[in-house]
Amino acid sequence: MGTESLSNSAAMGLMAGIGLGIFFMLFGIGIFFMICYWKIFTKAGQPGWAIFVPFYSFFVMLKIVNKPFWWFFLLLIPVVNLVILLIMVHRLSLSFGKSAGFTLGLIFISIVFVPILAFDNSVYTKLVD
């Protein structure tokens, strides 16, 4: 009985440690992405702090990709929101002179491509519809 409870305690401690490690890793990745998007917003001439305001950041992103504010409401419709987000990501890459391949990178390997977009020497150009 004594060794069984000891091993349960050790297992619980191990699980708690793993959970904390995962939490801090995801927290760090979140902070990293916030810094990258702050830089992207400022490169586009928008306030970087907007990334910290939940709904306002979408309105700023819509302004960067030159789409009307009412597109925000399309983001509230399931499945349609995925299409709108893909369009927004593609227009974001086009706004900085990148190609459709870069858009695919932003979608599938964002941990690499978002910092490239944030910290390279690309210049923002407002897209014309």
Protein backbone atom coordinates (compact mmCIF):
# COMPACT_ATOMS: atom_id res chain seq x y z
CA MET A 1 0.00 0.00 0.00
CA GLY A 2 2.80 2.44 0.86
CA THR A 3 4.80 1.94 -2.34
CA GLU A 4 1.66 2.07 -4.48
CA SER A 5 0.68 5.47 -3.12
CA LEU A 6 4.26 6.65 -3.53
CA SER A 7 4.31 5.66 -7.18
CA ASN A 8 0.93 7.33 -7.72
CA SER A 9 2.30 10.49 -6.15
CA ALA A 10 5.38 10.34 -8.34
CA ALA A 11 3.25 9.82 -11.44
CA MET A 12 1.03 12.75 -10.51
CA GLY A 13 4.09 14.93 -9.92
CA LEU A 14 5.51 13.89 -13.29
CA MET A 15 2.24 14.70 -15.03
CA ALA A 16 2.06 18.09 -13.30
CA GLY A 17 5.62 18.85 -14.39
CA ILE A 18 4.89 17.89 -17.98
CA GLY A 19 1.71 19.98 -17.91
CA LEU A 20 3.59 23.02 -16.59
CA GLY A 21 6.29 22.54 -19.20
CA ILE A 22 3.72 22.43 -22.00
CA PHE A 23 1.94 25.48 -20.56
CA PHE A 24 5.13 27.57 -20.46
CA MET A 25 6.14 26.43 -23.94
CA LEU A 26 2.74 27.44 -25.40
CA PHE A 27 2.81 30.70 -23.43
CA GLY A 28 6.23 31.49 -24.90
CA ILE A 29 5.05 30.70 -28.43
CA GLY A 30 2.02 32.95 -27.89
CA ILE A 31 4.24 35.83 -26.73
CA PHE A 32 6.53 35.24 -29.72
CA PHE A 33 3.58 35.46 -32.17
CA MET A 34 2.31 38.62 -30.46
CA ILE A 35 5.71 40.25 -30.94
CA CYS A 36 5.75 39.18 -34.60
CA TYR A 37 2.26 40.51 -35.28
CA TRP A 38 3.10 43.74 -33.44
CA LYS A 39 5.95 44.20 -35.90
CA ILE A 40 3.73 43.30 -38.89
CA PHE A 41 1.09 45.82 -37.77
CA THR A 42 3.68 48.59 -37.34
CA LYS A 43 5.23 47.79 -40.76
CA ALA A 44 1.77 48.29 -42.22
CA GLY A 45 1.42 51.68 -40.50
CA GLN A 46 -1.06 50.49 -37.88
CA PRO A 47 -0.70 50.55 -34.08
CA GLY A 48 1.17 47.51 -32.84
CA TRP A 49 -0.67 47.43 -29.52
CA ALA A 50 -3.85 46.52 -31.43
CA ILE A 51 -2.73 42.89 -31.43
CA PHE A 52 -3.57 42.75 -27.71
CA VAL A 53 -7.19 43.88 -28.14
CA PRO A 54 -9.18 40.77 -29.16
CA PHE A 55 -11.77 42.03 -31.66
CA TYR A 56 -10.07 45.28 -32.58
CA SER A 57 -7.09 43.34 -33.93
CA PHE A 58 -9.34 41.76 -36.57
CA PHE A 59 -10.57 45.20 -37.64
CA VAL A 60 -6.96 46.38 -37.93
CA MET A 61 -6.05 43.29 -39.93
CA LEU A 62 -9.01 43.94 -42.24
CA LYS A 63 -7.71 47.49 -42.70
CA ILE A 64 -4.24 46.17 -43.53
CA VAL A 65 -5.58 43.75 -46.16
CA ASN A 66 -7.89 46.50 -47.48
CA LYS A 67 -11.22 44.80 -46.85
CA PRO A 68 -14.36 46.43 -45.39
CA PHE A 69 -15.15 46.22 -41.68
CA TRP A 70 -18.29 44.17 -42.27
CA TRP A 71 -16.08 41.20 -43.21
CA PHE A 72 -15.64 40.83 -39.45
CA PHE A 73 -19.21 39.53 -39.27
CA LEU A 74 -18.35 36.91 -41.88
CA LEU A 75 -15.76 35.64 -39.43
CA LEU A 76 -18.63 34.70 -37.08
CA ILE A 77 -20.18 32.25 -39.57
CA PRO A 78 -18.80 28.69 -39.38
CA VAL A 79 -16.98 27.45 -42.50
CA VAL A 80 -17.28 30.91 -44.10
CA ASN A 81 -14.80 32.11 -41.48
CA LEU A 82 -12.20 29.65 -42.75
CA VAL A 83 -12.53 30.99 -46.29
CA ILE A 84 -12.33 34.59 -45.05
CA LEU A 85 -9.24 33.81 -42.96
CA LEU A 86 -7.54 32.20 -45.97
CA ILE A 87 -8.32 35.25 -48.09
CA MET A 88 -7.00 37.54 -45.34
CA VAL A 89 -3.74 35.58 -45.00
CA HIS A 90 -3.24 35.57 -48.77
CA ARG A 91 -3.90 39.31 -49.02
CA LEU A 92 -1.52 39.89 -46.09
CA SER A 93 1.29 38.14 -47.92
CA LEU A 94 0.47 39.99 -51.14
CA SER A 95 0.50 43.29 -49.22
CA PHE A 96 4.13 42.70 -48.36
CA GLY A 97 5.10 41.63 -51.89
CA LYS A 98 5.09 37.90 -51.20
CA SER A 99 3.70 35.14 -53.42
CA ALA A 100 1.04 32.46 -53.05
CA GLY A 101 3.79 30.07 -51.94
CA PHE A 102 4.50 32.36 -49.02
CA THR A 103 0.80 32.29 -48.19
CA LEU A 104 0.97 28.50 -47.98
CA GLY A 105 3.95 28.86 -45.69
CA LEU A 106 2.02 31.28 -43.46
CA ILE A 107 -0.81 28.76 -43.25
CA PHE A 108 1.10 25.50 -42.76
CA ILE A 109 4.44 26.53 -41.22
CA SER A 110 3.46 29.75 -39.48
CA ILE A 111 6.13 29.37 -36.76
CA VAL A 112 8.71 30.02 -39.51
CA PHE A 113 6.91 32.30 -41.98
CA VAL A 114 5.27 34.79 -39.58
CA PRO A 115 8.67 35.87 -38.15
CA ILE A 116 10.06 36.10 -41.70
CA LEU A 117 7.20 38.43 -42.62
CA ALA A 118 7.69 40.42 -39.43
CA PHE A 119 11.45 40.86 -39.49
CA ASP A 120 12.48 40.85 -43.15
CA ASN A 121 12.92 44.03 -45.15
CA SER A 122 9.65 43.72 -47.10
CA VAL A 123 7.62 46.90 -47.48
CA TYR A 124 3.88 47.16 -47.04
CA THR A 125 1.88 48.22 -50.08
CA LYS A 126 -1.85 48.72 -49.74
CA LEU A 127 -3.66 46.40 -52.14
CA VAL A 128 -6.16 47.86 -54.57
CA ASP A 129 -9.30 45.83 -55.17
